[in-house]
Amino acid sequence: MAGALLQVACKHKATGISEYTAGPDRPPAAVIKDGVAITLRDQKLTVLRNGKKVKDYDISTSKFGIGGTSGSYRTPTGVHAVTRKVGDGQPIGMVFKGCRPTGEVVGVDAPGRDPIVTRVIQIAGLEKYNSNSHNRRIYIHGTPEERNIGRPASYGCIRMRSEDVVDLYPQVHRGMPVVIERCSQDMYLRSERDGVTPGMRLSANISDFLPKEEARRRVAYRSGKRTLRSSRRAIGRSTRVAARKLKARKSRKMARRTLRRRG
């Protein structure tokens, strides 16, 4: 067991900020007029309206660096969109597990705790190389580890201070574009303003193409019911077979006794 844990620790080695800041600050691959821009170089999340910054927040992305491979714990880049929001009305510090509130509330920088808290905004990748972001459970969410905000510290998600994610929550909606870029916020805004990077043209009905979590849950529930029915049928069949065998055994015993009496 210790060997297995050691292998995992070696495989996922933290990279620090160096991977984010290495090389020149290059223009982004995509810009959007309305939505959310996450710039990894300076660990910022920016809300955009008509190409202008409305508000920005300090964030924390993956301590393992940038990438989209499943199981890598890295933060993916590219164009994404919001698929769902969870946490309406929940108190600050509410712990979520499987996107459901647990009833436990933790304070800021609670020792020894690193859960998802306060609000959860799930995103899905819209490009081929980041199309697994939804299945990887890449979230924008609150964290009690607010001391680490502003530097890479997550396991792939985009972490925010609880008060900041509460403020962001009503500003986003299902289908809203979320662009994750390696550059800084300054470079992103400059590229958009000066037309260095062409703007992304996204479908107006983008939400129609996003994963439907509730539908998936219903399918899973129906599958579970089918499996349960199959199991019950299998148990019923085995019970009937066992009963027939027992009846046959009893019949044979009775026949042997009758023969002995007659003999």
Protein backbone atom coordinates (compact mmCIF):
# COMPACT_ATOMS: atom_id res chain seq x y z
CA MET A 1 0.00 0.00 0.00
CA ALA A 2 2.82 2.40 0.87
CA GLY A 3 4.47 1.62 -2.48
CA ALA A 4 1.26 2.45 -4.36
CA LEU A 5 0.93 5.77 -2.55
CA LEU A 6 4.56 6.57 -3.33
CA GLN A 7 3.99 5.89 -7.05
CA VAL A 8 1.01 8.26 -7.12
CA ALA A 9 2.99 10.97 -5.37
CA CYS A 10 5.83 10.61 -7.89
CA LYS A 11 3.49 10.59 -10.88
CA HIS A 12 1.73 13.82 -9.91
CA LYS A 13 4.59 16.08 -8.98
CA ALA A 14 3.72 19.70 -8.22
CA THR A 15 5.27 22.15 -10.70
CA GLY A 16 4.74 25.49 -8.96
CA ILE A 17 4.28 28.81 -10.75
CA SER A 18 7.24 28.29 -13.11
CA GLU A 19 5.19 26.43 -15.75
CA TYR A 20 2.73 29.33 -15.88
CA THR A 21 5.30 32.11 -16.16
CA ALA A 22 7.97 30.42 -18.32
CA GLY A 23 8.63 32.21 -21.61
CA PRO A 24 7.20 35.47 -22.93
CA ASP A 25 3.63 36.58 -22.28
CA ARG A 26 2.06 35.60 -25.62
CA PRO A 27 -1.35 36.66 -26.99
CA PRO A 28 -4.27 34.29 -26.24
CA ALA A 29 -5.49 31.72 -28.75
CA ALA A 30 -9.08 32.97 -28.41
CA VAL A 31 -10.91 36.01 -27.06
CA ILE A 32 -14.60 36.49 -26.30
CA LYS A 33 -16.70 39.64 -25.93
CA ASP A 34 -19.07 38.34 -23.26
CA GLY A 35 -18.21 35.69 -20.71
CA VAL A 36 -15.40 34.71 -18.37
CA ALA A 37 -11.66 34.80 -19.13
CA ILE A 38 -9.31 32.86 -16.86
CA THR A 39 -5.67 33.89 -17.31
CA LEU A 40 -3.24 31.40 -15.83
CA ARG A 41 -0.06 33.48 -15.93
CA ASP A 42 -1.31 35.89 -13.26
CA GLN A 43 -4.03 33.66 -11.72
CA LYS A 44 -6.98 35.93 -12.56
CA LEU A 45 -10.64 35.39 -13.46
CA THR A 46 -12.19 38.27 -15.42
CA VAL A 47 -15.87 38.85 -16.20
CA LEU A 48 -16.30 40.51 -19.63
CA ARG A 49 -19.19 42.45 -21.12
CA ASN A 50 -18.93 43.81 -24.69
CA GLY A 51 -15.19 43.21 -24.60
CA LYS A 52 -14.66 45.26 -21.45
CA LYS A 53 -13.66 44.12 -17.97
CA VAL A 54 -16.59 44.25 -15.56
CA LYS A 55 -14.88 42.66 -12.58
CA ASP A 56 -11.94 40.43 -11.79
CA TYR A 57 -10.98 38.03 -9.01
CA ASP A 58 -7.81 36.31 -7.78
CA ILE A 59 -7.93 32.54 -8.27
CA SER A 60 -5.87 29.39 -7.78
CA THR A 61 -5.40 26.80 -10.54
CA SER A 62 -3.58 23.46 -10.59
CA LYS A 63 -0.32 23.03 -8.73
CA PHE A 64 0.49 20.27 -11.25
CA GLY A 65 0.49 22.68 -14.18
CA ILE A 66 -1.45 23.01 -17.42
CA GLY A 67 -3.02 20.12 -19.37
CA GLY A 68 -6.17 18.22 -20.19
CA THR A 69 -5.21 14.56 -19.74
CA SER A 70 -7.60 12.57 -17.55
CA GLY A 71 -6.07 11.78 -14.18
CA SER A 72 -3.35 14.43 -14.55
CA TYR A 73 -4.90 16.89 -12.03
CA ARG A 74 -3.88 19.70 -14.41
CA THR A 75 -5.95 22.73 -15.41
CA PRO A 76 -7.11 22.56 -19.06
CA THR A 77 -6.87 25.49 -21.48
CA GLY A 78 -9.16 26.54 -24.34
CA VAL A 79 -12.79 27.47 -24.82
CA HIS A 80 -15.31 26.07 -22.34
CA ALA A 81 -18.87 26.86 -21.30
CA VAL A 82 -20.80 26.73 -18.02
CA THR A 83 -22.91 23.57 -17.79
CA ARG A 84 -24.50 23.96 -14.36
CA LYS A 85 -24.43 25.88 -11.09
CA VAL A 86 -24.91 24.39 -7.63
CA GLY A 87 -25.28 26.06 -4.25
CA ASP A 88 -28.17 28.53 -4.40
CA GLY A 89 -28.89 29.83 -0.90
CA GLN A 90 -26.20 27.75 0.83
CA PRO A 91 -24.13 29.46 3.54
CA ILE A 92 -20.50 30.42 3.03
CA GLY A 93 -18.29 27.46 3.84
CA MET A 94 -20.89 24.77 3.04
CA VAL A 95 -19.04 21.61 2.02
CA PHE A 96 -20.07 19.93 -1.24
CA LYS A 97 -19.47 16.30 -2.14
CA GLY A 98 -20.56 15.03 -5.55
CA CYS A 99 -22.02 18.52 -6.12
CA ARG A 100 -24.39 18.05 -3.18
CA PRO A 101 -24.29 20.02 0.10
CA THR A 102 -23.24 17.78 2.99
CA GLY A 103 -24.54 19.99 5.80
CA GLU A 104 -21.02 20.60 7.12
CA VAL A 105 -19.75 24.19 7.15
CA VAL A 106 -16.02 24.94 7.45
CA GLY A 107 -14.31 28.24 8.14
CA VAL A 108 -11.67 30.06 6.11
CA ASP A 109 -8.26 28.34 6.27
CA ALA A 110 -9.66 25.55 8.45
CA PRO A 111 -6.66 23.37 9.38
CA GLY A 112 -6.32 20.04 7.60
CA ARG A 113 -9.33 20.60 5.31
CA ASP A 114 -9.37 20.99 1.53
CA PRO A 115 -12.99 20.45 0.40
CA ILE A 116 -15.12 22.14 -2.27
CA VAL A 117 -17.20 24.80 -0.53
CA THR A 118 -19.84 27.56 -0.92
CA ARG A 119 -20.70 27.39 -4.67
CA VAL A 120 -19.91 25.08 -7.61
CA ILE A 121 -19.85 26.15 -11.28
CA GLN A 122 -19.13 23.23 -13.61
CA ILE A 123 -17.69 23.78 -17.09
CA ALA A 124 -17.40 21.66 -20.25
CA GLY A 125 -14.77 21.93 -22.99
CA LEU A 126 -15.93 22.96 -26.49
CA GLU A 127 -12.76 21.96 -28.32
CA LYS A 128 -11.46 18.51 -29.20
CA TYR A 129 -8.44 18.62 -26.88
CA ASN A 130 -10.48 19.75 -23.83
CA SER A 131 -13.70 17.84 -24.51
CA ASN A 132 -13.16 15.71 -21.38
CA SER A 133 -13.23 18.69 -18.97
CA HIS A 134 -16.82 17.96 -17.94
CA ASN A 135 -16.10 14.30 -17.16
CA ARG A 136 -12.95 15.38 -15.32
CA ARG A 137 -15.19 17.49 -13.04
CA ILE A 138 -13.42 20.77 -13.70
CA TYR A 139 -15.20 23.29 -11.47
CA ILE A 140 -14.99 26.92 -10.51
CA HIS A 141 -15.61 26.67 -6.76
CA GLY A 142 -14.96 28.11 -3.35
CA THR A 143 -12.13 26.85 -1.16
CA PRO A 144 -11.39 27.18 2.56
CA GLU A 145 -7.66 27.39 1.64
CA GLU A 146 -7.89 31.09 0.89
CA ARG A 147 -4.28 31.60 1.98
CA ASN A 148 -3.26 29.94 -1.32
CA ILE A 149 -5.39 32.10 -3.61
CA GLY A 150 -3.23 33.91 -6.17
CA ARG A 151 -0.89 30.97 -6.76
CA PRO A 152 -1.32 27.44 -8.18
CA ALA A 153 -2.59 25.09 -5.46
CA SER A 154 -5.57 23.12 -6.83
CA TYR A 155 -6.01 19.66 -8.35
CA GLY A 156 -7.20 21.01 -11.71
CA CYS A 157 -10.18 23.15 -10.70
CA ILE A 158 -10.33 26.94 -10.51
CA ARG A 159 -10.52 27.88 -6.84
CA MET A 160 -11.87 31.17 -5.50
CA ARG A 161 -12.41 32.85 -2.16
CA SER A 162 -15.90 32.04 -0.87
CA GLU A 163 -17.09 35.65 -0.95
CA ASP A 164 -15.77 36.03 -4.52
CA VAL A 165 -17.49 32.89 -5.84
CA VAL A 166 -20.76 34.06 -4.22
CA ASP A 167 -20.33 37.36 -6.07
CA LEU A 168 -19.52 35.61 -9.39
CA TYR A 169 -22.33 33.04 -9.13
CA PRO A 170 -25.28 35.22 -10.29
CA GLN A 171 -23.18 36.71 -13.11
CA VAL A 172 -22.82 33.41 -14.98
CA HIS A 173 -25.37 31.12 -16.58
CA ARG A 174 -25.56 27.80 -18.42
CA GLY A 175 -23.97 28.20 -21.86
CA MET A 176 -21.83 31.21 -20.91
CA PRO A 177 -18.36 30.95 -22.53
CA VAL A 178 -15.35 30.44 -20.24
CA VAL A 179 -11.95 30.85 -21.92
CA ILE A 180 -8.86 29.55 -20.12
CA GLU A 181 -5.60 31.01 -21.48
CA ARG A 182 -1.91 30.81 -20.55
CA CYS A 183 -1.37 34.58 -20.86
CA SER A 184 -1.87 37.37 -18.33
CA GLN A 185 -5.03 39.41 -17.93
CA ASP A 186 -3.27 42.48 -19.31
CA MET A 187 -2.22 40.61 -22.47
CA TYR A 188 -5.72 39.16 -22.89
CA LEU A 189 -7.46 42.55 -22.65
CA ARG A 190 -4.86 44.19 -24.90
CA SER A 191 -5.29 41.46 -27.52
CA GLU A 192 -9.04 41.92 -27.49
CA ARG A 193 -8.85 45.70 -27.65
CA ASP A 194 -6.22 45.82 -30.42
CA GLY A 195 -7.65 42.92 -32.42
CA VAL A 196 -4.41 40.92 -32.10
CA THR A 197 -6.47 37.74 -31.67
CA PRO A 198 -9.68 37.22 -33.67
CA GLY A 199 -12.80 36.93 -31.53
CA MET A 200 -14.52 33.60 -31.04
CA ARG A 201 -17.89 33.19 -32.76
CA LEU A 202 -19.98 30.84 -30.67
CA SER A 203 -23.43 29.49 -31.44
CA ALA A 204 -26.32 31.35 -29.79
CA ASN A 205 -27.85 28.02 -28.70
CA ILE A 206 -24.60 26.66 -27.27
CA SER A 207 -26.41 25.28 -24.21
CA ASP A 208 -28.19 22.75 -26.47
CA PHE A 209 -24.85 21.03 -27.11
CA LEU A 210 -23.70 20.87 -23.49
CA PRO A 211 -23.94 17.77 -21.27
CA LYS A 212 -27.25 17.42 -19.46
CA GLU A 213 -26.38 16.23 -15.96
CA GLU A 214 -29.96 15.64 -14.86
CA ALA A 215 -30.70 13.51 -17.94
CA ARG A 216 -27.60 11.47 -17.24
CA ARG A 217 -28.74 10.92 -13.66
CA ARG A 218 -32.15 9.70 -14.85
CA VAL A 219 -30.49 7.27 -17.29
CA ALA A 220 -28.26 6.00 -14.49
CA TYR A 221 -31.32 5.61 -12.26
CA ARG A 222 -33.17 3.66 -14.96
CA SER A 223 -30.09 1.50 -15.51
CA GLY A 224 -29.96 0.85 -11.79
CA LYS A 225 -33.62 -0.19 -11.76
CA ARG A 226 -33.03 -2.53 -14.71
CA THR A 227 -30.03 -4.05 -12.94
CA LEU A 228 -32.08 -4.50 -9.77
CA ARG A 229 -34.90 -6.18 -11.69
CA SER A 230 -32.39 -8.47 -13.44
CA SER A 231 -30.86 -9.37 -10.09
CA ARG A 232 -34.25 -10.16 -8.61
CA ARG A 233 -35.14 -12.33 -11.61
CA ALA A 234 -31.83 -14.17 -11.29
CA ILE A 235 -32.43 -14.74 -7.56
CA GLY A 236 -35.96 -15.93 -8.31
CA ARG A 237 -34.71 -18.40 -10.93
CA SER A 238 -32.03 -19.80 -8.65
CA THR A 239 -34.56 -20.13 -5.81
CA ARG A 240 -36.99 -22.04 -8.05
CA VAL A 241 -34.22 -24.33 -9.30
CA ALA A 242 -33.11 -25.04 -5.72
CA ALA A 243 -36.73 -25.79 -4.71
CA ARG A 244 -37.14 -28.23 -7.62
CA LYS A 245 -33.91 -30.01 -6.70
CA LEU A 246 -34.99 -30.27 -3.06
CA LYS A 247 -38.37 -31.64 -4.09
CA ALA A 248 -36.72 -34.20 -6.36
CA ARG A 249 -34.39 -35.29 -3.54
CA LYS A 250 -37.31 -35.73 -1.17
CA SER A 251 -39.18 -37.76 -3.80
CA ARG A 252 -36.18 -40.07 -4.27
CA LYS A 253 -35.88 -40.58 -0.49
CA MET A 254 -39.57 -41.43 -0.19
CA ALA A 255 -39.26 -43.91 -3.07
CA ARG A 256 -36.27 -45.64 -1.42
CA ARG A 257 -38.12 -45.92 1.90
CA THR A 258 -41.17 -47.43 0.18
CA LEU A 259 -39.00 -50.03 -1.56
CA ARG A 260 -37.27 -50.99 1.71
CA ARG A 261 -40.65 -51.48 3.44
CA ARG A 262 -41.90 -53.69 0.62
CA GLY A 263 -38.70 -55.71 0.56
